[in-house]
Amino acid sequence: MFEKKGYIINWKSLEKQDLNETINALAMASPFSLEEKQILLESKNLEVRKDKISEILSTYSFDNFQNTTIQ
């Protein structure tokens, strides 16, 4: 997804963070909808957040990013 959008990710910096910080950083930098970001914020624990971001990312991996919906 990041390559498709042309994002440059500093993976070494992300590797130094704990998983919670990494999920936060990816969620903030990603083109997720407000609803998707809210789902991540409201997740009960790190395990649920990890599963939710994985689900969200998997849907974006099939997207060609030419959606014209205004959010």
Protein backbone atom coordinates (compact mmCIF):
# COMPACT_ATOMS: atom_id res chain seq x y z
CA MET A 1 0.00 0.00 0.00
CA PHE A 2 2.75 2.45 0.92
CA GLU A 3 4.59 1.83 -2.34
CA LYS A 4 1.38 2.32 -4.34
CA LYS A 5 0.78 5.68 -2.64
CA GLY A 6 4.42 6.74 -3.08
CA TYR A 7 5.11 7.00 0.65
CA ILE A 8 8.66 6.84 1.90
CA ILE A 9 8.81 4.90 5.15
CA ASN A 10 11.79 4.92 7.48
CA TRP A 11 11.53 1.25 8.41
CA LYS A 12 14.61 1.34 10.67
CA SER A 13 12.97 4.04 12.77
CA LEU A 14 9.74 2.03 12.97
CA GLU A 15 11.66 -1.06 14.06
CA LYS A 16 12.94 0.84 17.11
CA GLN A 17 9.41 1.59 18.32
CA ASP A 18 7.17 -0.76 20.22
CA LEU A 19 4.23 -2.25 18.33
CA ASN A 20 1.73 0.18 19.81
CA GLU A 21 3.76 3.20 18.63
CA THR A 22 4.23 1.62 15.21
CA ILE A 23 0.50 1.06 14.77
CA ASN A 24 -0.15 4.66 15.81
CA ALA A 25 2.42 6.00 13.35
CA LEU A 26 1.11 3.88 10.48
CA ALA A 27 -2.48 4.84 11.22
CA MET A 28 -1.67 8.55 11.29
CA ALA A 29 0.37 8.46 8.09
CA SER A 30 -1.96 6.18 6.17
CA PRO A 31 -4.87 7.25 4.00
CA PHE A 32 -7.35 5.54 6.32
CA SER A 33 -10.83 6.93 6.64
CA LEU A 34 -11.84 8.67 9.86
CA GLU A 35 -13.98 5.65 10.69
CA GLU A 36 -11.05 3.28 10.29
CA LYS A 37 -8.85 5.46 12.48
CA GLN A 38 -11.63 5.60 15.08
CA ILE A 39 -11.86 1.80 15.09
CA LEU A 40 -8.15 1.64 15.88
CA LEU A 41 -8.47 4.23 18.65
CA GLU A 42 -11.36 2.37 20.27
CA SER A 43 -9.75 -1.07 20.18
CA LYS A 44 -9.67 -2.67 23.62
CA ASN A 45 -6.04 -3.78 23.55
CA LEU A 46 -2.94 -4.09 21.42
CA GLU A 47 -3.88 -7.54 20.09
CA VAL A 48 -7.23 -6.24 18.80
CA ARG A 49 -5.56 -3.13 17.31
CA LYS A 50 -3.01 -5.32 15.55
CA ASP A 51 -5.78 -7.46 14.05
CA LYS A 52 -7.82 -4.41 13.01
CA ILE A 53 -4.92 -2.65 11.29
CA SER A 54 -4.10 -5.88 9.50
CA GLU A 55 -7.70 -6.09 8.24
CA ILE A 56 -7.66 -2.47 7.14
CA LEU A 57 -4.32 -2.81 5.36
CA SER A 58 -5.47 -5.95 3.57
CA THR A 59 -8.44 -4.08 2.08
CA TYR A 60 -6.15 -1.29 0.88
CA SER A 61 -3.76 -3.76 -0.74
CA PHE A 62 -6.47 -4.50 -3.32
CA ASP A 63 -7.35 -0.84 -3.87
CA ASN A 64 -5.90 1.00 -6.86
CA PHE A 65 -6.35 4.32 -4.99
CA GLN A 66 -8.49 5.88 -7.66
CA ASN A 67 -11.53 6.17 -5.44
CA THR A 68 -13.27 9.49 -5.99
CA THR A 69 -15.43 9.38 -2.86
CA ILE A 70 -15.23 12.57 -0.83
CA GLN A 71 -14.80 11.90 2.88
